[in-house]
């Protein structure tokens, strides 16, 4: 249940956030399964969460945000923001 709460919290934070240069750089789309697995494992390892079974699932929120329409809409109103 803790992982579900963290995903919901992260989703809300990402939706409320302002675009940040480079945040989504290197984030693969979820449909690219092997890149997704590798990216999630590397991100968890970089945060000292190797072996944490909830970490990769939480990172799915980042992927969904980076590929989502709400981020695209935010970028459309920010002059000079990279897509």
C-alpha atoms as a PDB file:
ATOM      1  CA  UNK A   1       0.000   0.000   0.000  1.00  0.00           C
ATOM      2  CA  UNK A   2       2.870   2.378   0.660  1.00  0.00           C
ATOM      3  CA  UNK A   3       3.938   2.196  -2.971  1.00  0.00           C
ATOM      4  CA  UNK A   4       0.429   3.076  -4.135  1.00  0.00           C
ATOM      5  CA  UNK A   5       0.350   6.113  -1.838  1.00  0.00           C
ATOM      6  CA  UNK A   6       3.738   7.276  -3.083  1.00  0.00           C
ATOM      7  CA  UNK A   7       2.649   6.873  -6.717  1.00  0.00           C
ATOM      8  CA  UNK A   8      -0.487   8.917  -6.073  1.00  0.00           C
ATOM      9  CA  UNK A   9       1.533  11.600  -4.268  1.00  0.00           C
ATOM     10  CA  UNK A  10       4.142  11.723  -7.041  1.00  0.00           C
ATOM     11  CA  UNK A  11       1.458  11.912  -9.709  1.00  0.00           C
ATOM     12  CA  UNK A  12      -0.124  14.897  -7.966  1.00  0.00           C
ATOM     13  CA  UNK A  13       3.242  16.614  -7.582  1.00  0.00           C
ATOM     14  CA  UNK A  14       4.104  16.126 -11.225  1.00  0.00           C
ATOM     15  CA  UNK A  15       0.719  17.423 -12.342  1.00  0.00           C
ATOM     16  CA  UNK A  16       1.087  20.523 -10.140  1.00  0.00           C
ATOM     17  CA  UNK A  17       4.674  21.159 -11.183  1.00  0.00           C
ATOM     18  CA  UNK A  18       6.092  23.637 -13.643  1.00  0.00           C
ATOM     19  CA  UNK A  19       8.186  22.320 -16.531  1.00  0.00           C
ATOM     20  CA  UNK A  20      11.817  21.833 -15.587  1.00  0.00           C
ATOM     21  CA  UNK A  21      14.524  21.869 -18.247  1.00  0.00           C
ATOM     22  CA  UNK A  22      15.857  18.366 -18.826  1.00  0.00           C
ATOM     23  CA  UNK A  23      13.544  16.565 -16.404  1.00  0.00           C
ATOM     24  CA  UNK A  24      12.294  14.129 -19.023  1.00  0.00           C
ATOM     25  CA  UNK A  25      15.581  13.747 -20.898  1.00  0.00           C
ATOM     26  CA  UNK A  26      16.348  10.060 -21.294  1.00  0.00           C
ATOM     27  CA  UNK A  27      12.999   8.888 -19.936  1.00  0.00           C
ATOM     28  CA  UNK A  28      11.840   6.130 -22.301  1.00  0.00           C
ATOM     29  CA  UNK A  29       8.210   5.618 -23.277  1.00  0.00           C
ATOM     30  CA  UNK A  30       6.650   2.698 -21.401  1.00  0.00           C
ATOM     31  CA  UNK A  31       5.964   0.857 -24.663  1.00  0.00           C
ATOM     32  CA  UNK A  32       9.742   0.360 -25.037  1.00  0.00           C
ATOM     33  CA  UNK A  33       9.877  -2.473 -22.553  1.00  0.00           C
ATOM     34  CA  UNK A  34      13.617  -3.216 -22.433  1.00  0.00           C
ATOM     35  CA  UNK A  35      14.593   0.472 -22.227  1.00  0.00           C
ATOM     36  CA  UNK A  36      11.958   0.930 -19.515  1.00  0.00           C
ATOM     37  CA  UNK A  37      13.327  -1.911 -17.404  1.00  0.00           C
ATOM     38  CA  UNK A  38      16.906  -0.693 -17.774  1.00  0.00           C
ATOM     39  CA  UNK A  39      15.987   2.945 -17.054  1.00  0.00           C
ATOM     40  CA  UNK A  40      13.949   2.087 -13.948  1.00  0.00           C
ATOM     41  CA  UNK A  41      16.659  -0.167 -12.513  1.00  0.00           C
ATOM     42  CA  UNK A  42      19.324   2.490 -13.140  1.00  0.00           C
ATOM     43  CA  UNK A  43      17.178   5.232 -11.576  1.00  0.00           C
ATOM     44  CA  UNK A  44      16.519   3.138  -8.474  1.00  0.00           C
ATOM     45  CA  UNK A  45      20.204   2.247  -8.178  1.00  0.00           C
ATOM     46  CA  UNK A  46      21.201   5.921  -8.492  1.00  0.00           C
ATOM     47  CA  UNK A  47      18.919   6.706  -5.568  1.00  0.00           C
ATOM     48  CA  UNK A  48      20.271   3.917  -3.385  1.00  0.00           C
ATOM     49  CA  UNK A  49      17.136   1.822  -3.786  1.00  0.00           C
ATOM     50  CA  UNK A  50      18.596  -1.289  -5.411  1.00  0.00           C
ATOM     51  CA  UNK A  51      16.411  -4.244  -4.513  1.00  0.00           C
ATOM     52  CA  UNK A  52      13.420  -2.107  -3.512  1.00  0.00           C
ATOM     53  CA  UNK A  53      10.533  -3.740  -5.365  1.00  0.00           C
ATOM     54  CA  UNK A  54       8.313  -0.643  -5.252  1.00  0.00           C
ATOM     55  CA  UNK A  55      10.840   1.796  -6.720  1.00  0.00           C
ATOM     56  CA  UNK A  56      10.486   0.695 -10.370  1.00  0.00           C
ATOM     57  CA  UNK A  57       6.703   0.878 -10.164  1.00  0.00           C
ATOM     58  CA  UNK A  58       6.818   4.376  -8.697  1.00  0.00           C
ATOM     59  CA  UNK A  59       9.012   5.497 -11.591  1.00  0.00           C
ATOM     60  CA  UNK A  60       6.170   4.565 -13.950  1.00  0.00           C
ATOM     61  CA  UNK A  61       4.574   7.858 -12.850  1.00  0.00           C
ATOM     62  CA  UNK A  62       7.546   9.773 -14.222  1.00  0.00           C
ATOM     63  CA  UNK A  63       7.258   7.952 -17.533  1.00  0.00           C
ATOM     64  CA  UNK A  64       3.530   8.597 -17.740  1.00  0.00           C
ATOM     65  CA  UNK A  65       4.027  12.263 -16.908  1.00  0.00           C
ATOM     66  CA  UNK A  66       6.820  12.731 -19.452  1.00  0.00           C
ATOM     67  CA  UNK A  67       4.726  11.153 -22.206  1.00  0.00           C
ATOM     68  CA  UNK A  68       1.443  12.684 -21.075  1.00  0.00           C
ATOM     69  CA  UNK A  69      -0.714  15.456 -22.398  1.00  0.00           C
ATOM     70  CA  UNK A  70      -0.610  17.619 -19.272  1.00  0.00           C
ATOM     71  CA  UNK A  71       3.157  18.076 -19.607  1.00  0.00           C
ATOM     72  CA  UNK A  72       2.768  18.845 -23.299  1.00  0.00           C
ATOM     73  CA  UNK A  73       0.136  21.454 -22.476  1.00  0.00           C
ATOM     74  CA  UNK A  74       2.427  23.062 -19.890  1.00  0.00           C
ATOM     75  CA  UNK A  75       5.278  23.220 -22.380  1.00  0.00           C
ATOM     76  CA  UNK A  76       3.023  24.824 -24.964  1.00  0.00           C
ATOM     77  CA  UNK A  77       2.553  27.878 -22.714  1.00  0.00           C
ATOM     78  CA  UNK A  78       6.187  28.213 -21.590  1.00  0.00           C
ATOM     79  CA  UNK A  79       8.228  30.212 -24.114  1.00  0.00           C
ATOM     80  CA  UNK A  80      11.430  28.449 -25.081  1.00  0.00           C
ATOM     81  CA  UNK A  81      10.677  25.230 -23.178  1.00  0.00           C
ATOM     82  CA  UNK A  82      12.025  22.095 -24.837  1.00  0.00           C
ATOM     83  CA  UNK A  83       9.663  19.279 -25.636  1.00  0.00           C
END
